[in-house]
Amino acid sequence: MPKKTKQKNTKNKAKHTKLLQRKLNKERAEKEATKARRKAIVQKANEAKKSDDC
């Protein structure tokens, strides 16, 4: 039985590669944005906690 993976693109390899790279870069950018948002939220919470302690 053949392995169940993505279909191979044999016709337009350059275009296919370009599209896959665009997709991966988009996912990376979203991941970085989420990480930055979470970091900002944590930092804001820590500042609020510090101000409550004083």
Protein backbone atom coordinates (compact mmCIF):
# COMPACT_ATOMS: atom_id res chain seq x y z
CA MET A 1 0.00 0.00 0.00
CA PRO A 2 1.27 3.47 -0.81
CA LYS A 3 1.98 5.91 1.96
CA LYS A 4 -0.71 8.46 2.69
CA THR A 5 1.10 11.78 2.24
CA LYS A 6 0.63 14.94 0.21
CA GLN A 7 0.49 14.51 -3.53
CA LYS A 8 3.75 15.21 -5.27
CA ASN A 9 3.83 18.14 -7.61
CA THR A 10 5.75 17.22 -10.73
CA LYS A 11 4.48 19.83 -13.18
CA ASN A 12 5.14 23.28 -11.71
CA LYS A 13 7.76 22.67 -9.07
CA ALA A 14 8.91 26.29 -8.83
CA LYS A 15 5.37 27.59 -8.43
CA HIS A 16 4.54 24.84 -5.96
CA THR A 17 7.64 25.60 -3.89
CA LYS A 18 6.82 29.31 -3.92
CA LEU A 19 3.29 28.67 -2.69
CA LEU A 20 4.44 26.28 0.03
CA GLN A 21 7.05 28.78 1.23
CA ARG A 22 4.41 31.51 1.30
CA LYS A 23 2.17 29.27 3.41
CA LEU A 24 4.98 28.37 5.81
CA ASN A 25 6.05 32.01 6.16
CA LYS A 26 2.46 33.01 6.91
CA GLU A 27 2.24 30.36 9.64
CA ARG A 28 5.57 31.49 11.10
CA ALA A 29 4.43 35.13 11.11
CA GLU A 30 1.17 34.24 12.84
CA LYS A 31 3.06 32.22 15.43
CA GLU A 32 5.46 35.11 16.10
CA ALA A 33 2.55 37.57 16.38
CA THR A 34 0.76 35.30 18.86
CA LYS A 35 3.94 34.93 20.87
CA ALA A 36 4.43 38.72 20.99
CA ARG A 37 0.80 39.26 22.00
CA ARG A 38 1.09 36.73 24.83
CA LYS A 39 4.34 38.30 26.00
CA ALA A 40 2.70 41.73 26.12
CA ILE A 41 -0.24 40.36 28.11
CA VAL A 42 2.06 38.66 30.62
CA GLN A 43 4.15 41.80 30.96
CA LYS A 44 1.04 43.92 31.55
CA ALA A 45 -0.22 41.45 34.18
CA ASN A 46 3.15 41.50 35.95
CA GLU A 47 3.15 45.30 36.02
CA ALA A 48 -0.37 45.29 37.44
CA LYS A 49 0.69 42.78 40.07
CA LYS A 50 3.67 44.96 41.05
CA SER A 51 1.51 48.07 41.35
CA ASP A 52 -1.00 46.18 43.54
CA ASP A 53 1.80 45.08 45.90
CA CYS A 54 3.01 48.64 46.49
